[in-house]
Amino acid sequence: MADRRTEQPRHPIVAAHLARRAESLQVRVADAITAFAGSMPFVYLHATAFVVWMLAVEAKPWPTLTLVVSLEAIFLSTFVLIGQNRQAEFQQAKADHDFTEQELELKTNTEITRAIHALTTELHRRVVLDSR
């Protein structure tokens, strides 16, 4: 089944953002880790690993397990921050693009309104002059 998002045209900023991200191995690795860490299989894997560790691997698992979980939390929070920074960068680029496009639309609409006003004025002048 095809992904619906790929069937629709993309916003220019989205397309540029995805192209830049695809170029960097480091970003692709971070994306893969972030995507996995934010999934239910990640939760299931950890729950299973922790249960096995506590019941079968070590007689007193708490000191080592606490160390491992703490280190993992540090790395995962770093990936969350990386994702938030990338999202903020993307949102800013999209906002800048949208602002530029809206300013262009406003300029175009103003020019069209002025042209309509000039044509209406000229039409009104001709109708009034012809009726005299």
C-alpha atoms as a PDB file:
ATOM      1  CA  MET A   1       0.000   0.000   0.000  1.00  0.00           C
ATOM      2  CA  ALA A   2       1.441   3.378  -1.028  1.00  0.00           C
ATOM      3  CA  ASP A   3       2.065   6.098   1.503  1.00  0.00           C
ATOM      4  CA  ARG A   4      -0.510   8.846   1.032  1.00  0.00           C
ATOM      5  CA  ARG A   5       2.001  11.554   1.843  1.00  0.00           C
ATOM      6  CA  THR A   6       4.160  10.646  -1.169  1.00  0.00           C
ATOM      7  CA  GLU A   7       1.205  10.850  -3.554  1.00  0.00           C
ATOM      8  CA  GLN A   8       0.485  14.504  -2.836  1.00  0.00           C
ATOM      9  CA  PRO A   9       2.656  17.412  -3.910  1.00  0.00           C
ATOM     10  CA  ARG A  10       4.851  18.646  -1.087  1.00  0.00           C
ATOM     11  CA  HIS A  11       5.309  22.135   0.219  1.00  0.00           C
ATOM     12  CA  PRO A  12       8.605  23.495  -1.206  1.00  0.00           C
ATOM     13  CA  ILE A  13      10.089  23.862   2.261  1.00  0.00           C
ATOM     14  CA  VAL A  14       9.127  20.279   3.133  1.00  0.00           C
ATOM     15  CA  ALA A  15      10.732  18.972  -0.057  1.00  0.00           C
ATOM     16  CA  ALA A  16      13.943  20.958   0.558  1.00  0.00           C
ATOM     17  CA  HIS A  17      14.007  19.890   4.202  1.00  0.00           C
ATOM     18  CA  LEU A  18      13.637  16.203   3.322  1.00  0.00           C
ATOM     19  CA  ALA A  19      16.305  16.463   0.619  1.00  0.00           C
ATOM     20  CA  ARG A  20      18.785  18.048   3.045  1.00  0.00           C
ATOM     21  CA  ARG A  21      18.044  15.402   5.652  1.00  0.00           C
ATOM     22  CA  ALA A  22      18.538  12.566   3.160  1.00  0.00           C
ATOM     23  CA  GLU A  23      22.030  13.872   2.310  1.00  0.00           C
ATOM     24  CA  SER A  24      23.444  13.444   5.820  1.00  0.00           C
ATOM     25  CA  LEU A  25      24.246  10.002   7.215  1.00  0.00           C
ATOM     26  CA  GLN A  26      24.434  11.465  10.706  1.00  0.00           C
ATOM     27  CA  VAL A  27      20.911  12.900  10.421  1.00  0.00           C
ATOM     28  CA  ARG A  28      19.529   9.662   8.968  1.00  0.00           C
ATOM     29  CA  VAL A  29      21.012   7.689  11.886  1.00  0.00           C
ATOM     30  CA  ALA A  30      19.572  10.159  14.416  1.00  0.00           C
ATOM     31  CA  ASP A  31      16.179   9.959  12.677  1.00  0.00           C
ATOM     32  CA  ALA A  32      16.224   6.159  12.775  1.00  0.00           C
ATOM     33  CA  ILE A  33      17.117   6.110  16.473  1.00  0.00           C
ATOM     34  CA  THR A  34      14.495   8.735  17.286  1.00  0.00           C
ATOM     35  CA  ALA A  35      11.837   6.886  15.290  1.00  0.00           C
ATOM     36  CA  PHE A  36      12.610   3.599  17.037  1.00  0.00           C
ATOM     37  CA  ALA A  37      12.884   5.179  20.491  1.00  0.00           C
ATOM     38  CA  GLY A  38       9.449   6.713  20.023  1.00  0.00           C
ATOM     39  CA  SER A  39       7.754   3.426  19.171  1.00  0.00           C
ATOM     40  CA  MET A  40       5.951   0.722  21.089  1.00  0.00           C
ATOM     41  CA  PRO A  41       8.442  -1.986  20.006  1.00  0.00           C
ATOM     42  CA  PHE A  42      11.063   0.063  21.887  1.00  0.00           C
ATOM     43  CA  VAL A  43       8.890  -0.047  25.011  1.00  0.00           C
ATOM     44  CA  TYR A  44       8.273  -3.790  24.666  1.00  0.00           C
ATOM     45  CA  LEU A  45      11.966  -4.479  24.078  1.00  0.00           C
ATOM     46  CA  HIS A  46      12.949  -2.526  27.179  1.00  0.00           C
ATOM     47  CA  ALA A  47      10.278  -4.059  29.378  1.00  0.00           C
ATOM     48  CA  THR A  48      11.394  -7.520  28.309  1.00  0.00           C
ATOM     49  CA  ALA A  49      15.103  -6.721  28.680  1.00  0.00           C
ATOM     50  CA  PHE A  50      14.628  -5.248  32.147  1.00  0.00           C
ATOM     51  CA  VAL A  51      12.540  -8.189  33.354  1.00  0.00           C
ATOM     52  CA  VAL A  52      15.107 -10.700  32.027  1.00  0.00           C
ATOM     53  CA  TRP A  53      17.942  -8.670  33.554  1.00  0.00           C
ATOM     54  CA  MET A  54      16.266  -8.467  36.953  1.00  0.00           C
ATOM     55  CA  LEU A  55      15.174 -12.114  37.061  1.00  0.00           C
ATOM     56  CA  ALA A  56      17.883 -14.024  35.220  1.00  0.00           C
ATOM     57  CA  VAL A  57      21.062 -12.059  34.600  1.00  0.00           C
ATOM     58  CA  GLU A  58      22.099 -10.567  37.919  1.00  0.00           C
ATOM     59  CA  ALA A  59      21.323 -11.477  41.495  1.00  0.00           C
ATOM     60  CA  LYS A  60      21.443  -7.809  42.517  1.00  0.00           C
ATOM     61  CA  PRO A  61      20.579  -5.949  39.290  1.00  0.00           C
ATOM     62  CA  TRP A  62      19.720  -2.559  40.769  1.00  0.00           C
ATOM     63  CA  PRO A  63      23.094  -0.751  40.771  1.00  0.00           C
ATOM     64  CA  THR A  64      24.019  -1.796  37.235  1.00  0.00           C
ATOM     65  CA  LEU A  65      20.468  -1.441  35.955  1.00  0.00           C
ATOM     66  CA  THR A  66      20.235   2.047  37.440  1.00  0.00           C
ATOM     67  CA  LEU A  67      23.471   3.021  35.704  1.00  0.00           C
ATOM     68  CA  VAL A  68      22.319   1.617  32.354  1.00  0.00           C
ATOM     69  CA  VAL A  69      18.887   3.250  32.569  1.00  0.00           C
ATOM     70  CA  SER A  70      20.426   6.591  33.568  1.00  0.00           C
ATOM     71  CA  LEU A  71      22.863   6.544  30.669  1.00  0.00           C
ATOM     72  CA  GLU A  72      20.108   5.544  28.291  1.00  0.00           C
ATOM     73  CA  ALA A  73      17.932   8.406  29.550  1.00  0.00           C
ATOM     74  CA  ILE A  74      20.742  10.864  28.884  1.00  0.00           C
ATOM     75  CA  PHE A  75      21.138   9.683  25.308  1.00  0.00           C
ATOM     76  CA  LEU A  76      17.404   9.478  24.619  1.00  0.00           C
ATOM     77  CA  SER A  77      16.800  12.979  25.980  1.00  0.00           C
ATOM     78  CA  THR A  78      19.585  14.203  23.703  1.00  0.00           C
ATOM     79  CA  PHE A  79      17.823  12.648  20.719  1.00  0.00           C
ATOM     80  CA  VAL A  80      14.558  14.277  21.793  1.00  0.00           C
ATOM     81  CA  LEU A  81      16.303  17.651  21.932  1.00  0.00           C
ATOM     82  CA  ILE A  82      17.883  17.065  18.525  1.00  0.00           C
ATOM     83  CA  GLY A  83      14.433  16.282  17.119  1.00  0.00           C
ATOM     84  CA  GLN A  84      12.922  19.384  18.706  1.00  0.00           C
ATOM     85  CA  ASN A  85      15.693  21.576  17.331  1.00  0.00           C
ATOM     86  CA  ARG A  86      15.202  20.150  13.837  1.00  0.00           C
ATOM     87  CA  GLN A  87      11.445  20.640  14.107  1.00  0.00           C
ATOM     88  CA  ALA A  88      11.907  24.254  15.219  1.00  0.00           C
ATOM     89  CA  GLU A  89      14.308  24.873  12.311  1.00  0.00           C
ATOM     90  CA  PHE A  90      11.820  23.355   9.887  1.00  0.00           C
ATOM     91  CA  GLN A  91       8.904  25.374  11.289  1.00  0.00           C
ATOM     92  CA  GLN A  92      10.924  28.594  11.018  1.00  0.00           C
ATOM     93  CA  ALA A  93      11.883  27.869   7.402  1.00  0.00           C
ATOM     94  CA  LYS A  94       8.257  27.097   6.545  1.00  0.00           C
ATOM     95  CA  ALA A  95       7.031  30.233   8.338  1.00  0.00           C
ATOM     96  CA  ASP A  96       9.582  32.352   6.445  1.00  0.00           C
ATOM     97  CA  HIS A  97       8.519  30.790   3.142  1.00  0.00           C
ATOM     98  CA  ASP A  98       4.822  31.243   3.914  1.00  0.00           C
ATOM     99  CA  PHE A  99       5.398  34.882   4.903  1.00  0.00           C
ATOM    100  CA  THR A 100       7.189  35.568   1.614  1.00  0.00           C
ATOM    101  CA  GLU A 101       4.397  33.893  -0.351  1.00  0.00           C
ATOM    102  CA  GLN A 102       1.700  35.807   1.558  1.00  0.00           C
ATOM    103  CA  GLU A 103       3.481  39.097   0.922  1.00  0.00           C
ATOM    104  CA  LEU A 104       3.602  38.266  -2.789  1.00  0.00           C
ATOM    105  CA  GLU A 105      -0.118  37.392  -2.737  1.00  0.00           C
ATOM    106  CA  LEU A 106      -0.905  40.653  -0.947  1.00  0.00           C
ATOM    107  CA  LYS A 107       1.071  42.633  -3.532  1.00  0.00           C
ATOM    108  CA  THR A 108      -0.650  40.799  -6.393  1.00  0.00           C
ATOM    109  CA  ASN A 109      -4.103  41.275  -4.851  1.00  0.00           C
ATOM    110  CA  THR A 110      -3.402  44.969  -4.289  1.00  0.00           C
ATOM    111  CA  GLU A 111      -2.348  45.386  -7.921  1.00  0.00           C
ATOM    112  CA  ILE A 112      -5.476  43.550  -9.113  1.00  0.00           C
ATOM    113  CA  THR A 113      -7.684  45.667  -6.833  1.00  0.00           C
ATOM    114  CA  ARG A 114      -6.090  48.858  -8.164  1.00  0.00           C
ATOM    115  CA  ALA A 115      -6.574  47.667 -11.748  1.00  0.00           C
ATOM    116  CA  ILE A 116     -10.230  46.815 -11.050  1.00  0.00           C
ATOM    117  CA  HIS A 117     -10.722  50.225  -9.443  1.00  0.00           C
ATOM    118  CA  ALA A 118      -9.144  51.974 -12.453  1.00  0.00           C
ATOM    119  CA  LEU A 119     -11.307  49.992 -14.890  1.00  0.00           C
ATOM    120  CA  THR A 120     -14.450  50.638 -12.807  1.00  0.00           C
ATOM    121  CA  THR A 121     -13.656  54.349 -12.652  1.00  0.00           C
ATOM    122  CA  GLU A 122     -13.084  54.470 -16.401  1.00  0.00           C
ATOM    123  CA  LEU A 123     -16.257  52.490 -17.089  1.00  0.00           C
ATOM    124  CA  HIS A 124     -18.259  54.734 -14.774  1.00  0.00           C
ATOM    125  CA  ARG A 125     -16.807  57.847 -16.455  1.00  0.00           C
ATOM    126  CA  ARG A 126     -17.757  56.551 -19.922  1.00  0.00           C
ATOM    127  CA  VAL A 127     -21.260  55.540 -18.844  1.00  0.00           C
ATOM    128  CA  VAL A 128     -21.890  58.901 -17.175  1.00  0.00           C
ATOM    129  CA  LEU A 129     -20.473  60.823 -20.162  1.00  0.00           C
ATOM    130  CA  ASP A 130     -22.443  58.725 -22.681  1.00  0.00           C
ATOM    131  CA  SER A 131     -25.692  59.224 -20.810  1.00  0.00           C
ATOM    132  CA  ARG A 132     -25.438  63.054 -20.961  1.00  0.00           C
END
